[in-house]
Amino acid sequence: MAKKKLSRDQKRVQKKKKQARRAQAPLDPGQQILNRLEKAGLGTHKLMRNPPDQVKMSEVLREFVAPYWHIPDTEEAMRKLLTTALVAWNTALMPQAEQADALGQIATALPAEAREDFYAIVQEMIERKNEHFAEYDRLILDYELVDRGNDYHITVVSRMTPEDEEGTE
């Protein structure tokens, strides 16, 4: 079947629609995170994309949640998994004496019936962090999740440690 030729006006309309879609296209995931951090008052820090000689924390986070990756069946469930993983990761970086209080404060935002499961999962993830990812001590500030249809892409913003910052200058 032959393709119908478009008139000049039809082509112009198509071009305008395409330009409008581009103008409405969401920011790249990294920029979305930076905008959120700035809104939260954390945007005054020096930010670097993929610092040289540094591991990508998005790859570390993905490896960290690998045993749980198959469980979520929706994007919302995946976001909950990643948020829980960030809580566990960042809590594991705290002195052990402060961890219970920090988790207790977070748990108060959850429904009472979900708290026991929350503590169990987070504790399991903290142990995983300490056993398999102890060499990584960067705090994860935020993430952006992009659903690619058959998989997810994660973008992460993490705080460099003072030792890491010295190595990038």
C-alpha atoms as a PDB file:
ATOM      1  CA  MET A   1       0.000   0.000   0.000  1.00  0.00           C
ATOM      2  CA  ALA A   2       1.440   3.357  -1.040  1.00  0.00           C
ATOM      3  CA  LYS A   3       2.105   5.939   1.610  1.00  0.00           C
ATOM      4  CA  LYS A   4      -0.132   8.981   1.286  1.00  0.00           C
ATOM      5  CA  LYS A   5       1.727  12.209   0.617  1.00  0.00           C
ATOM      6  CA  LEU A   6       1.046  14.972   3.075  1.00  0.00           C
ATOM      7  CA  SER A   7       0.192  18.472   2.036  1.00  0.00           C
ATOM      8  CA  ARG A   8       2.402  21.360   3.072  1.00  0.00           C
ATOM      9  CA  ASP A   9      -0.123  22.360   5.756  1.00  0.00           C
ATOM     10  CA  GLN A  10      -0.279  18.809   7.125  1.00  0.00           C
ATOM     11  CA  LYS A  11       3.523  18.668   7.309  1.00  0.00           C
ATOM     12  CA  ARG A  12       3.581  22.004   9.120  1.00  0.00           C
ATOM     13  CA  VAL A  13       1.020  20.759  11.649  1.00  0.00           C
ATOM     14  CA  GLN A  14       3.042  17.573  12.238  1.00  0.00           C
ATOM     15  CA  LYS A  15       6.219  19.596  12.730  1.00  0.00           C
ATOM     16  CA  LYS A  16       4.523  21.877  15.281  1.00  0.00           C
ATOM     17  CA  LYS A  17       3.180  18.867  17.196  1.00  0.00           C
ATOM     18  CA  LYS A  18       6.642  17.305  17.261  1.00  0.00           C
ATOM     19  CA  GLN A  19       8.193  20.556  18.537  1.00  0.00           C
ATOM     20  CA  ALA A  20       5.506  20.843  21.213  1.00  0.00           C
ATOM     21  CA  ARG A  21       6.206  17.268  22.385  1.00  0.00           C
ATOM     22  CA  ARG A  22       9.932  18.041  22.607  1.00  0.00           C
ATOM     23  CA  ALA A  23       9.231  21.189  24.598  1.00  0.00           C
ATOM     24  CA  GLN A  24       7.117  19.183  27.055  1.00  0.00           C
ATOM     25  CA  ALA A  25       9.646  16.332  27.301  1.00  0.00           C
ATOM     26  CA  PRO A  26      10.694  15.727  30.878  1.00  0.00           C
ATOM     27  CA  LEU A  27      14.116  16.772  32.060  1.00  0.00           C
ATOM     28  CA  ASP A  28      16.759  14.108  32.105  1.00  0.00           C
ATOM     29  CA  PRO A  29      16.670  12.063  35.349  1.00  0.00           C
ATOM     30  CA  GLY A  30      19.839  13.636  36.709  1.00  0.00           C
ATOM     31  CA  GLN A  31      18.452  17.136  36.278  1.00  0.00           C
ATOM     32  CA  GLN A  32      15.175  16.126  37.951  1.00  0.00           C
ATOM     33  CA  ILE A  33      17.112  14.951  41.006  1.00  0.00           C
ATOM     34  CA  LEU A  34      19.196  18.123  41.107  1.00  0.00           C
ATOM     35  CA  ASN A  35      16.045  20.253  40.945  1.00  0.00           C
ATOM     36  CA  ARG A  36      14.515  18.324  43.878  1.00  0.00           C
ATOM     37  CA  LEU A  37      17.716  18.673  45.921  1.00  0.00           C
ATOM     38  CA  GLU A  38      17.853  22.392  45.216  1.00  0.00           C
ATOM     39  CA  LYS A  39      14.218  22.752  46.292  1.00  0.00           C
ATOM     40  CA  ALA A  40      15.076  20.910  49.525  1.00  0.00           C
ATOM     41  CA  GLY A  41      17.905  23.351  50.207  1.00  0.00           C
ATOM     42  CA  LEU A  42      20.726  20.970  49.283  1.00  0.00           C
ATOM     43  CA  GLY A  43      21.576  22.584  45.968  1.00  0.00           C
ATOM     44  CA  THR A  44      24.484  24.662  47.229  1.00  0.00           C
ATOM     45  CA  HIS A  45      26.941  21.779  47.139  1.00  0.00           C
ATOM     46  CA  LYS A  46      29.419  21.184  44.348  1.00  0.00           C
ATOM     47  CA  LEU A  47      27.835  18.614  42.073  1.00  0.00           C
ATOM     48  CA  MET A  48      29.730  16.417  39.654  1.00  0.00           C
ATOM     49  CA  ARG A  49      28.338  13.976  37.135  1.00  0.00           C
ATOM     50  CA  ASN A  50      30.223  10.698  37.034  1.00  0.00           C
ATOM     51  CA  PRO A  51      33.370  11.884  38.811  1.00  0.00           C
ATOM     52  CA  PRO A  52      36.528  10.393  37.317  1.00  0.00           C
ATOM     53  CA  ASP A  53      37.910   7.297  39.009  1.00  0.00           C
ATOM     54  CA  GLN A  54      34.708   6.862  41.027  1.00  0.00           C
ATOM     55  CA  VAL A  55      32.272   3.990  40.920  1.00  0.00           C
ATOM     56  CA  LYS A  56      28.786   4.834  39.671  1.00  0.00           C
ATOM     57  CA  MET A  57      26.523   4.602  42.690  1.00  0.00           C
ATOM     58  CA  SER A  58      23.566   3.788  40.439  1.00  0.00           C
ATOM     59  CA  GLU A  59      25.359   0.556  39.505  1.00  0.00           C
ATOM     60  CA  VAL A  60      26.174  -0.149  43.154  1.00  0.00           C
ATOM     61  CA  LEU A  61      22.552   0.467  44.167  1.00  0.00           C
ATOM     62  CA  ARG A  62      21.288  -1.825  41.427  1.00  0.00           C
ATOM     63  CA  GLU A  63      23.659  -4.568  42.571  1.00  0.00           C
ATOM     64  CA  PHE A  64      22.635  -3.934  46.186  1.00  0.00           C
ATOM     65  CA  VAL A  65      18.937  -4.512  45.417  1.00  0.00           C
ATOM     66  CA  ALA A  66      19.602  -7.365  42.961  1.00  0.00           C
ATOM     67  CA  PRO A  67      18.183 -10.087  45.272  1.00  0.00           C
ATOM     68  CA  TYR A  68      14.905  -8.139  45.459  1.00  0.00           C
ATOM     69  CA  TRP A  69      14.781  -6.797  41.881  1.00  0.00           C
ATOM     70  CA  HIS A  70      12.296  -9.429  40.680  1.00  0.00           C
ATOM     71  CA  ILE A  71       9.759  -8.804  43.465  1.00  0.00           C
ATOM     72  CA  PRO A  72       8.148  -5.478  42.448  1.00  0.00           C
ATOM     73  CA  ASP A  73       5.532  -5.841  39.742  1.00  0.00           C
ATOM     74  CA  THR A  74       4.763  -2.139  39.271  1.00  0.00           C
ATOM     75  CA  GLU A  75       6.780   1.061  39.032  1.00  0.00           C
ATOM     76  CA  GLU A  76       5.328   2.215  42.359  1.00  0.00           C
ATOM     77  CA  ALA A  77       6.434  -1.035  44.018  1.00  0.00           C
ATOM     78  CA  MET A  78       9.926  -0.601  42.532  1.00  0.00           C
ATOM     79  CA  ARG A  79      10.068   2.932  43.957  1.00  0.00           C
ATOM     80  CA  LYS A  80       9.142   1.558  47.382  1.00  0.00           C
ATOM     81  CA  LEU A  81      11.891  -1.053  47.101  1.00  0.00           C
ATOM     82  CA  LEU A  82      14.476   1.567  46.143  1.00  0.00           C
ATOM     83  CA  THR A  83      13.361   3.953  48.877  1.00  0.00           C
ATOM     84  CA  THR A  84      13.616   1.145  51.434  1.00  0.00           C
ATOM     85  CA  ALA A  85      17.054   0.267  50.065  1.00  0.00           C
ATOM     86  CA  LEU A  86      18.183   3.898  50.460  1.00  0.00           C
ATOM     87  CA  VAL A  87      16.936   3.946  54.041  1.00  0.00           C
ATOM     88  CA  ALA A  88      18.884   0.762  54.769  1.00  0.00           C
ATOM     89  CA  TRP A  89      22.003   1.937  52.922  1.00  0.00           C
ATOM     90  CA  ASN A  90      22.164   5.326  54.613  1.00  0.00           C
ATOM     91  CA  THR A  91      21.281   3.877  58.029  1.00  0.00           C
ATOM     92  CA  ALA A  92      24.119   1.366  57.692  1.00  0.00           C
ATOM     93  CA  LEU A  93      26.503   4.319  57.322  1.00  0.00           C
ATOM     94  CA  MET A  94      25.438   5.738  60.699  1.00  0.00           C
ATOM     95  CA  PRO A  95      27.048   4.794  63.995  1.00  0.00           C
ATOM     96  CA  GLN A  96      25.279   1.686  65.250  1.00  0.00           C
ATOM     97  CA  ALA A  97      24.101   3.491  68.401  1.00  0.00           C
ATOM     98  CA  GLU A  98      22.079   5.928  66.245  1.00  0.00           C
ATOM     99  CA  GLN A  99      20.547   3.414  63.838  1.00  0.00           C
ATOM    100  CA  ALA A 100      17.600   2.285  65.962  1.00  0.00           C
ATOM    101  CA  ASP A 101      16.478   5.857  66.646  1.00  0.00           C
ATOM    102  CA  ALA A 102      16.755   6.810  62.980  1.00  0.00           C
ATOM    103  CA  LEU A 103      14.705   3.796  61.878  1.00  0.00           C
ATOM    104  CA  GLY A 104      12.174   4.465  64.634  1.00  0.00           C
ATOM    105  CA  GLN A 105      11.603   7.985  63.326  1.00  0.00           C
ATOM    106  CA  ILE A 106      11.082   6.707  59.791  1.00  0.00           C
ATOM    107  CA  ALA A 107       8.790   3.890  60.944  1.00  0.00           C
ATOM    108  CA  THR A 108       6.410   6.365  62.605  1.00  0.00           C
ATOM    109  CA  ALA A 109       5.407   7.529  59.110  1.00  0.00           C
ATOM    110  CA  LEU A 110       4.304   3.998  58.226  1.00  0.00           C
ATOM    111  CA  PRO A 111       1.027   2.305  59.083  1.00  0.00           C
ATOM    112  CA  ALA A 112       1.396   0.288  62.296  1.00  0.00           C
ATOM    113  CA  GLU A 113       0.737  -3.001  60.470  1.00  0.00           C
ATOM    114  CA  ALA A 114       3.650  -2.358  58.067  1.00  0.00           C
ATOM    115  CA  ARG A 115       6.300  -1.544  60.672  1.00  0.00           C
ATOM    116  CA  GLU A 116       7.320  -5.097  61.562  1.00  0.00           C
ATOM    117  CA  ASP A 117       7.943  -5.963  57.902  1.00  0.00           C
ATOM    118  CA  PHE A 118       9.765  -2.653  57.417  1.00  0.00           C
ATOM    119  CA  TYR A 119      12.153  -3.387  60.286  1.00  0.00           C
ATOM    120  CA  ALA A 120      12.780  -6.945  59.048  1.00  0.00           C
ATOM    121  CA  ILE A 121      13.518  -5.913  55.459  1.00  0.00           C
ATOM    122  CA  VAL A 122      15.649  -2.924  56.427  1.00  0.00           C
ATOM    123  CA  GLN A 123      17.647  -4.974  58.920  1.00  0.00           C
ATOM    124  CA  GLU A 124      18.264  -7.630  56.260  1.00  0.00           C
ATOM    125  CA  MET A 125      19.427  -4.927  53.831  1.00  0.00           C
ATOM    126  CA  ILE A 126      21.668  -3.300  56.452  1.00  0.00           C
ATOM    127  CA  GLU A 127      23.349  -6.659  57.000  1.00  0.00           C
ATOM    128  CA  ARG A 128      23.741  -7.059  53.223  1.00  0.00           C
ATOM    129  CA  LYS A 129      25.283  -3.579  52.981  1.00  0.00           C
ATOM    130  CA  ASN A 130      27.742  -4.325  55.801  1.00  0.00           C
ATOM    131  CA  GLU A 131      28.706  -7.756  54.463  1.00  0.00           C
ATOM    132  CA  HIS A 132      28.921  -7.122  50.716  1.00  0.00           C
ATOM    133  CA  PHE A 133      29.227  -3.362  50.209  1.00  0.00           C
ATOM    134  CA  ALA A 134      31.287  -2.202  53.188  1.00  0.00           C
ATOM    135  CA  GLU A 135      33.863  -0.505  50.950  1.00  0.00           C
ATOM    136  CA  TYR A 136      31.248   2.004  49.747  1.00  0.00           C
ATOM    137  CA  ASP A 137      30.647   4.761  52.264  1.00  0.00           C
ATOM    138  CA  ARG A 138      28.922   7.373  50.134  1.00  0.00           C
ATOM    139  CA  LEU A 139      25.561   8.598  51.362  1.00  0.00           C
ATOM    140  CA  ILE A 140      22.853   8.282  48.687  1.00  0.00           C
ATOM    141  CA  LEU A 141      20.893  11.533  48.608  1.00  0.00           C
ATOM    142  CA  ASP A 142      18.256  10.750  46.004  1.00  0.00           C
ATOM    143  CA  TYR A 143      17.438   8.663  42.963  1.00  0.00           C
ATOM    144  CA  GLU A 144      15.331   8.845  39.847  1.00  0.00           C
ATOM    145  CA  LEU A 145      13.688   5.780  38.351  1.00  0.00           C
ATOM    146  CA  VAL A 146      12.801   5.569  34.668  1.00  0.00           C
ATOM    147  CA  ASP A 147      10.548   2.758  33.488  1.00  0.00           C
ATOM    148  CA  ARG A 148      11.891   1.534  30.149  1.00  0.00           C
ATOM    149  CA  GLY A 149       9.071  -0.917  29.594  1.00  0.00           C
ATOM    150  CA  ASN A 150      11.009  -4.136  30.083  1.00  0.00           C
ATOM    151  CA  ASP A 151      13.433  -2.810  32.694  1.00  0.00           C
ATOM    152  CA  TYR A 152      14.207   0.192  34.875  1.00  0.00           C
ATOM    153  CA  HIS A 153      17.009   2.715  34.726  1.00  0.00           C
ATOM    154  CA  ILE A 154      18.243   4.263  37.979  1.00  0.00           C
ATOM    155  CA  THR A 155      20.027   7.592  38.297  1.00  0.00           C
ATOM    156  CA  VAL A 156      21.587   8.332  41.689  1.00  0.00           C
ATOM    157  CA  VAL A 157      22.978  11.384  43.439  1.00  0.00           C
ATOM    158  CA  SER A 158      25.384  10.545  46.233  1.00  0.00           C
ATOM    159  CA  ARG A 159      27.571  12.578  48.523  1.00  0.00           C
ATOM    160  CA  MET A 160      31.273  12.204  48.009  1.00  0.00           C
ATOM    161  CA  THR A 161      33.355  11.427  51.060  1.00  0.00           C
ATOM    162  CA  PRO A 162      36.166  13.901  51.856  1.00  0.00           C
ATOM    163  CA  GLU A 163      38.693  11.278  50.708  1.00  0.00           C
ATOM    164  CA  ASP A 164      36.849  10.896  47.376  1.00  0.00           C
ATOM    165  CA  GLU A 165      36.734  14.674  46.843  1.00  0.00           C
ATOM    166  CA  GLU A 166      40.496  14.934  47.316  1.00  0.00           C
ATOM    167  CA  GLY A 167      41.013  12.347  44.582  1.00  0.00           C
ATOM    168  CA  THR A 168      38.921  14.252  42.003  1.00  0.00           C
ATOM    169  CA  GLU A 169      40.780  17.541  42.041  1.00  0.00           C
END
